[in-house]
Amino acid sequence: LILLVAIPLLVHTTKGGTTRSTASHYE
């Protein structure tokens, strides 16, 4: 259960630096 929650958050953090120019924020 911990892995199911942590993996999507790590992926989102990695992609955050390349998608700051978009007009929407996804979580």
PDB file of all heavy atoms in Angstrom:
ATOM      1  N   LEU A   1       0.835  -1.217   0.000  1.00  0.00           N
ATOM      2  CA  LEU A   1       0.000   0.000   0.000  1.00  0.00           C
ATOM      3  C   LEU A   1       0.854   1.245   0.000  1.00  0.00           C
ATOM      4  O   LEU A   1       0.568   2.234  -0.679  1.00  0.00           O
ATOM      5  CB  LEU A   1      -0.924  -0.004   1.221  1.00  0.00           C
ATOM      6  CG  LEU A   1      -1.850   1.189   1.359  1.00  0.00           C
ATOM      7  CD1 LEU A   1      -2.772   1.266   0.139  1.00  0.00           C
ATOM      8  CD2 LEU A   1      -2.654   1.069   2.655  1.00  0.00           C
ATOM      9  N   ILE A   2       1.944   1.246   0.727  1.00  0.00           N
ATOM     10  CA  ILE A   2       2.847   2.418   0.781  1.00  0.00           C
ATOM     11  C   ILE A   2       3.450   2.666  -0.589  1.00  0.00           C
ATOM     12  O   ILE A   2       3.575   3.792  -1.072  1.00  0.00           O
ATOM     13  CB  ILE A   2       3.939   2.195   1.832  1.00  0.00           C
ATOM     14  CG1 ILE A   2       3.296   2.130   3.228  1.00  0.00           C
ATOM     15  CG2 ILE A   2       4.970   3.303   1.790  1.00  0.00           C
ATOM     16  CD1 ILE A   2       4.282   1.794   4.317  1.00  0.00           C
ATOM     17  N   LEU A   3       3.878   1.591  -1.299  1.00  0.00           N
ATOM     18  CA  LEU A   3       4.462   1.734  -2.630  1.00  0.00           C
ATOM     19  C   LEU A   3       3.438   2.288  -3.613  1.00  0.00           C
ATOM     20  O   LEU A   3       3.775   3.101  -4.479  1.00  0.00           O
ATOM     21  CB  LEU A   3       5.001   0.377  -3.113  1.00  0.00           C
ATOM     22  CG  LEU A   3       6.238  -0.161  -2.364  1.00  0.00           C
ATOM     23  CD1 LEU A   3       6.596  -1.548  -2.856  1.00  0.00           C
ATOM     24  CD2 LEU A   3       7.415   0.787  -2.536  1.00  0.00           C
ATOM     25  N   LEU A   4       2.181   1.834  -3.502  1.00  0.00           N
ATOM     26  CA  LEU A   4       1.145   2.335  -4.421  1.00  0.00           C
ATOM     27  C   LEU A   4       0.933   3.824  -4.261  1.00  0.00           C
ATOM     28  O   LEU A   4       0.583   4.509  -5.201  1.00  0.00           O
ATOM     29  CB  LEU A   4      -0.154   1.585  -4.177  1.00  0.00           C
ATOM     30  CG  LEU A   4      -0.195   0.126  -4.600  1.00  0.00           C
ATOM     31  CD1 LEU A   4      -1.523  -0.515  -4.199  1.00  0.00           C
ATOM     32  CD2 LEU A   4       0.012  -0.008  -6.107  1.00  0.00           C
ATOM     33  N   VAL A   5       1.125   4.369  -3.080  1.00  0.00           N
ATOM     34  CA  VAL A   5       0.944   5.805  -2.853  1.00  0.00           C
ATOM     35  C   VAL A   5       2.201   6.577  -3.196  1.00  0.00           C
ATOM     36  O   VAL A   5       2.175   7.663  -3.768  1.00  0.00           O
ATOM     37  CB  VAL A   5       0.532   6.054  -1.387  1.00  0.00           C
ATOM     38  CG1 VAL A   5       0.473   7.534  -1.106  1.00  0.00           C
ATOM     39  CG2 VAL A   5      -0.806   5.405  -1.101  1.00  0.00           C
ATOM     40  N   ALA A   6       3.384   6.040  -2.891  1.00  0.00           N
ATOM     41  CA  ALA A   6       4.632   6.795  -3.031  1.00  0.00           C
ATOM     42  C   ALA A   6       5.078   6.908  -4.462  1.00  0.00           C
ATOM     43  O   ALA A   6       5.604   7.938  -4.885  1.00  0.00           O
ATOM     44  CB  ALA A   6       5.725   6.127  -2.188  1.00  0.00           C
ATOM     45  N   ILE A   7       4.908   5.846  -5.279  1.00  0.00           N
ATOM     46  CA  ILE A   7       5.422   5.847  -6.658  1.00  0.00           C
ATOM     47  C   ILE A   7       4.788   6.953  -7.483  1.00  0.00           C
ATOM     48  O   ILE A   7       5.477   7.717  -8.149  1.00  0.00           O
ATOM     49  CB  ILE A   7       5.230   4.468  -7.311  1.00  0.00           C
ATOM     50  CG1 ILE A   7       6.157   3.448  -6.639  1.00  0.00           C
ATOM     51  CG2 ILE A   7       5.520   4.526  -8.810  1.00  0.00           C
ATOM     52  CD1 ILE A   7       5.935   2.012  -7.111  1.00  0.00           C
ATOM     53  N   PRO A   8       3.450   7.134  -7.478  1.00  0.00           N
ATOM     54  CA  PRO A   8       2.882   8.241  -8.288  1.00  0.00           C
ATOM     55  C   PRO A   8       3.356   9.598  -7.821  1.00  0.00           C
ATOM     56  O   PRO A   8       3.545  10.501  -8.630  1.00  0.00           O
ATOM     57  CB  PRO A   8       1.376   8.077  -8.096  1.00  0.00           C
ATOM     58  CG  PRO A   8       1.207   6.651  -7.753  1.00  0.00           C
ATOM     59  CD  PRO A   8       2.403   6.274  -6.945  1.00  0.00           C
ATOM     60  N   LEU A   9       3.598   9.776  -6.565  1.00  0.00           N
ATOM     61  CA  LEU A   9       4.070  11.072  -6.071  1.00  0.00           C
ATOM     62  C   LEU A   9       5.477  11.351  -6.556  1.00  0.00           C
ATOM     63  O   LEU A   9       5.828  12.491  -6.894  1.00  0.00           O
ATOM     64  CB  LEU A   9       4.014  11.099  -4.542  1.00  0.00           C
ATOM     65  CG  LEU A   9       2.619  11.095  -3.926  1.00  0.00           C
ATOM     66  CD1 LEU A   9       2.715  11.059  -2.395  1.00  0.00           C
ATOM     67  CD2 LEU A   9       1.851  12.330  -4.370  1.00  0.00           C
ATOM     68  N   LEU A  10       6.355  10.330  -6.582  1.00  0.00           N
ATOM     69  CA  LEU A  10       7.723  10.517  -7.083  1.00  0.00           C
ATOM     70  C   LEU A  10       7.712  10.868  -8.558  1.00  0.00           C
ATOM     71  O   LEU A  10       8.457  11.734  -9.022  1.00  0.00           O
ATOM     72  CB  LEU A  10       8.545   9.242  -6.835  1.00  0.00           C
ATOM     73  CG  LEU A  10       8.866   8.936  -5.357  1.00  0.00           C
ATOM     74  CD1 LEU A  10       9.564   7.582  -5.244  1.00  0.00           C
ATOM     75  CD2 LEU A  10       9.730  10.032  -4.774  1.00  0.00           C
ATOM     76  N   VAL A  11       6.856  10.201  -9.312  1.00  0.00           N
ATOM     77  CA  VAL A  11       6.761  10.497 -10.745  1.00  0.00           C
ATOM     78  C   VAL A  11       6.308  11.925 -10.960  1.00  0.00           C
ATOM     79  O   VAL A  11       6.813  12.643 -11.787  1.00  0.00           O
ATOM     80  CB  VAL A  11       5.802   9.505 -11.423  1.00  0.00           C
ATOM     81  CG1 VAL A  11       5.562   9.906 -12.883  1.00  0.00           C
ATOM     82  CG2 VAL A  11       6.384   8.113 -11.354  1.00  0.00           C
ATOM     83  N   HIS A  12       5.344  12.363 -10.160  1.00  0.00           N
ATOM     84  CA  HIS A  12       4.823  13.739 -10.292  1.00  0.00           C
ATOM     85  C   HIS A  12       5.894  14.761  -9.943  1.00  0.00           C
ATOM     86  O   HIS A  12       6.027  15.792 -10.585  1.00  0.00           O
ATOM     87  CB  HIS A  12       3.602  13.912  -9.391  1.00  0.00           C
ATOM     88  CG  HIS A  12       3.141  15.342  -9.313  1.00  0.00           C
ATOM     89  ND1 HIS A  12       2.572  15.982 -10.394  1.00  0.00           N
ATOM     90  CD2 HIS A  12       3.189  16.209  -8.291  1.00  0.00           C
ATOM     91  CE1 HIS A  12       2.290  17.197 -10.043  1.00  0.00           C
ATOM     92  NE2 HIS A  12       2.667  17.367  -8.748  1.00  0.00           N
ATOM     93  N   THR A  13       6.725  14.465  -8.942  1.00  0.00           N
ATOM     94  CA  THR A  13       7.773  15.395  -8.528  1.00  0.00           C
ATOM     95  C   THR A  13       8.828  15.524  -9.602  1.00  0.00           C
ATOM     96  O   THR A  13       9.354  16.600  -9.896  1.00  0.00           O
ATOM     97  CB  THR A  13       8.397  14.924  -7.211  1.00  0.00           C
ATOM     98  OG1 THR A  13       7.377  14.789  -6.255  1.00  0.00           O
ATOM     99  CG2 THR A  13       9.424  15.914  -6.712  1.00  0.00           C
ATOM    100  N   THR A  14       9.136  14.425 -10.264  1.00  0.00           N
ATOM    101  CA  THR A  14      10.157  14.420 -11.310  1.00  0.00           C
ATOM    102  C   THR A  14       9.700  15.233 -12.506  1.00  0.00           C
ATOM    103  O   THR A  14      10.453  15.992 -13.099  1.00  0.00           O
ATOM    104  CB  THR A  14      10.464  12.986 -11.743  1.00  0.00           C
ATOM    105  OG1 THR A  14      10.850  12.248 -10.599  1.00  0.00           O
ATOM    106  CG2 THR A  14      11.589  12.950 -12.768  1.00  0.00           C
ATOM    107  N   LYS A  15       8.444  15.149 -12.816  1.00  0.00           N
ATOM    108  CA  LYS A  15       7.915  15.862 -13.986  1.00  0.00           C
ATOM    109  C   LYS A  15       7.557  17.300 -13.682  1.00  0.00           C
ATOM    110  O   LYS A  15       7.250  18.044 -14.564  1.00  0.00           O
ATOM    111  CB  LYS A  15       6.677  15.146 -14.523  1.00  0.00           C
ATOM    112  CG  LYS A  15       6.988  13.780 -15.064  1.00  0.00           C
ATOM    113  CD  LYS A  15       5.712  13.129 -15.599  1.00  0.00           C
ATOM    114  CE  LYS A  15       6.009  11.770 -16.182  1.00  0.00           C
ATOM    115  NZ  LYS A  15       4.796  11.121 -16.725  1.00  0.00           N
ATOM    116  N   GLY A  16       7.568  17.679 -12.405  1.00  0.00           N
ATOM    117  CA  GLY A  16       7.142  19.040 -12.061  1.00  0.00           C
ATOM    118  C   GLY A  16       8.024  20.096 -12.662  1.00  0.00           C
ATOM    119  O   GLY A  16       7.578  21.180 -12.997  1.00  0.00           O
ATOM    120  N   GLY A  17       9.351  19.825 -12.814  1.00  0.00           N
ATOM    121  CA  GLY A  17      10.244  20.850 -13.325  1.00  0.00           C
ATOM    122  C   GLY A  17      10.048  21.122 -14.766  1.00  0.00           C
ATOM    123  O   GLY A  17      10.442  22.177 -15.263  1.00  0.00           O
ATOM    124  N   THR A  18       9.492  20.181 -15.536  1.00  0.00           N
ATOM    125  CA  THR A  18       9.350  20.358 -16.977  1.00  0.00           C
ATOM    126  C   THR A  18       7.967  20.836 -17.349  1.00  0.00           C
ATOM    127  O   THR A  18       7.731  21.136 -18.511  1.00  0.00           O
ATOM    128  CB  THR A  18       9.651  19.048 -17.693  1.00  0.00           C
ATOM    129  OG1 THR A  18       8.744  18.061 -17.227  1.00  0.00           O
ATOM    130  CG2 THR A  18      11.080  18.612 -17.406  1.00  0.00           C
ATOM    131  N   THR A  19       7.040  20.914 -16.419  1.00  0.00           N
ATOM    132  CA  THR A  19       5.663  21.269 -16.807  1.00  0.00           C
ATOM    133  C   THR A  19       5.188  22.498 -16.074  1.00  0.00           C
ATOM    134  O   THR A  19       4.014  22.714 -15.893  1.00  0.00           O
ATOM    135  CB  THR A  19       4.719  20.107 -16.503  1.00  0.00           C
ATOM    136  OG1 THR A  19       4.792  19.823 -15.097  1.00  0.00           O
ATOM    137  CG2 THR A  19       5.085  18.889 -17.307  1.00  0.00           C
ATOM    138  N   ARG A  20       6.092  23.362 -15.574  1.00  0.00           N
ATOM    139  CA  ARG A  20       5.679  24.558 -14.844  1.00  0.00           C
ATOM    140  C   ARG A  20       5.057  25.583 -15.765  1.00  0.00           C
ATOM    141  O   ARG A  20       4.390  26.506 -15.322  1.00  0.00           O
ATOM    142  CB  ARG A  20       6.873  25.190 -14.124  1.00  0.00           C
ATOM    143  CG  ARG A  20       7.386  24.343 -12.988  1.00  0.00           C
ATOM    144  CD  ARG A  20       8.509  25.039 -12.234  1.00  0.00           C
ATOM    145  NE  ARG A  20       8.990  24.204 -11.137  1.00  0.00           N
ATOM    146  CZ  ARG A  20       8.474  24.200  -9.914  1.00  0.00           C
ATOM    147  NH1 ARG A  20       7.450  24.978  -9.664  1.00  0.00           N
ATOM    148  NH2 ARG A  20       8.970  23.418  -8.984  1.00  0.00           N
ATOM    149  N   SER A  21       5.276  25.476 -17.084  1.00  0.00           N
ATOM    150  CA  SER A  21       4.722  26.459 -18.014  1.00  0.00           C
ATOM    151  C   SER A  21       3.284  26.171 -18.371  1.00  0.00           C
ATOM    152  O   SER A  21       2.650  26.949 -19.061  1.00  0.00           O
ATOM    153  CB  SER A  21       5.586  26.494 -19.289  1.00  0.00           C
ATOM    154  OG  SER A  21       5.592  25.227 -19.899  1.00  0.00           O
ATOM    155  N   THR A  22       2.757  25.067 -17.971  1.00  0.00           N
ATOM    156  CA  THR A  22       1.365  24.753 -18.310  1.00  0.00           C
ATOM    157  C   THR A  22       0.433  25.558 -17.441  1.00  0.00           C
ATOM    158  O   THR A  22       0.804  26.038 -16.376  1.00  0.00           O
ATOM    159  CB  THR A  22       1.099  23.257 -18.131  1.00  0.00           C
ATOM    160  OG1 THR A  22       1.330  22.934 -16.764  1.00  0.00           O
ATOM    161  CG2 THR A  22       2.002  22.432 -19.027  1.00  0.00           C
ATOM    162  N   ALA A  23      -0.825  25.673 -17.875  1.00  0.00           N
ATOM    163  CA  ALA A  23      -1.813  26.515 -17.183  1.00  0.00           C
ATOM    164  C   ALA A  23      -2.595  25.759 -16.157  1.00  0.00           C
ATOM    165  O   ALA A  23      -3.491  26.314 -15.558  1.00  0.00           O
ATOM    166  CB  ALA A  23      -2.766  27.132 -18.206  1.00  0.00           C
ATOM    167  N   SER A  24      -2.308  24.474 -15.928  1.00  0.00           N
ATOM    168  CA  SER A  24      -3.067  23.677 -14.983  1.00  0.00           C
ATOM    169  C   SER A  24      -2.108  22.906 -14.108  1.00  0.00           C
ATOM    170  O   SER A  24      -0.984  22.581 -14.506  1.00  0.00           O
ATOM    171  CB  SER A  24      -4.015  22.721 -15.687  1.00  0.00           C
ATOM    172  OG  SER A  24      -4.911  23.442 -16.483  1.00  0.00           O
ATOM    173  N   HIS A  25      -2.595  22.643 -12.911  1.00  0.00           N
ATOM    174  CA  HIS A  25      -1.797  21.885 -11.958  1.00  0.00           C
ATOM    175  C   HIS A  25      -2.532  20.580 -11.661  1.00  0.00           C
ATOM    176  O   HIS A  25      -3.716  20.615 -11.318  1.00  0.00           O
ATOM    177  CB  HIS A  25      -1.636  22.694 -10.662  1.00  0.00           C
ATOM    178  CG  HIS A  25      -1.058  21.900  -9.541  1.00  0.00           C
ATOM    179  ND1 HIS A  25       0.258  21.511  -9.503  1.00  0.00           N
ATOM    180  CD2 HIS A  25      -1.629  21.426  -8.402  1.00  0.00           C
ATOM    181  CE1 HIS A  25       0.471  20.838  -8.402  1.00  0.00           C
ATOM    182  NE2 HIS A  25      -0.675  20.762  -7.719  1.00  0.00           N
ATOM    183  N   TYR A  26      -1.842  19.450 -11.806  1.00  0.00           N
ATOM    184  CA  TYR A  26      -2.447  18.146 -11.629  1.00  0.00           C
ATOM    185  C   TYR A  26      -1.850  17.466 -10.418  1.00  0.00           C
ATOM    186  O   TYR A  26      -0.658  17.595 -10.146  1.00  0.00           O
ATOM    187  CB  TYR A  26      -2.248  17.261 -12.856  1.00  0.00           C
ATOM    188  CG  TYR A  26      -2.893  17.814 -14.092  1.00  0.00           C
ATOM    189  CD1 TYR A  26      -2.190  18.645 -14.948  1.00  0.00           C
ATOM    190  CD2 TYR A  26      -4.230  17.529 -14.390  1.00  0.00           C
ATOM    191  CE1 TYR A  26      -2.789  19.173 -16.065  1.00  0.00           C
ATOM    192  CE2 TYR A  26      -4.825  18.057 -15.519  1.00  0.00           C
ATOM    193  CZ  TYR A  26      -4.113  18.858 -16.360  1.00  0.00           C
ATOM    194  OH  TYR A  26      -4.692  19.387 -17.476  1.00  0.00           O
ATOM    195  N   GLU A  27      -2.642  16.780  -9.688  1.00  0.00           N
ATOM    196  CA  GLU A  27      -2.171  16.082  -8.498  1.00  0.00           C
ATOM    197  C   GLU A  27      -2.785  14.697  -8.471  1.00  0.00           C
ATOM    198  O   GLU A  27      -3.994  14.548  -8.655  1.00  0.00           O
ATOM    199  CB  GLU A  27      -2.569  16.850  -7.233  1.00  0.00           C
ATOM    200  CG  GLU A  27      -2.086  16.187  -5.974  1.00  0.00           C
ATOM    201  CD  GLU A  27      -2.512  16.982  -4.755  1.00  0.00           C
ATOM    202  OE1 GLU A  27      -3.071  18.073  -4.959  1.00  0.00           O
ATOM    203  OE2 GLU A  27      -2.295  16.499  -3.624  1.00  0.00           O
TER     204      GLU A  27
END
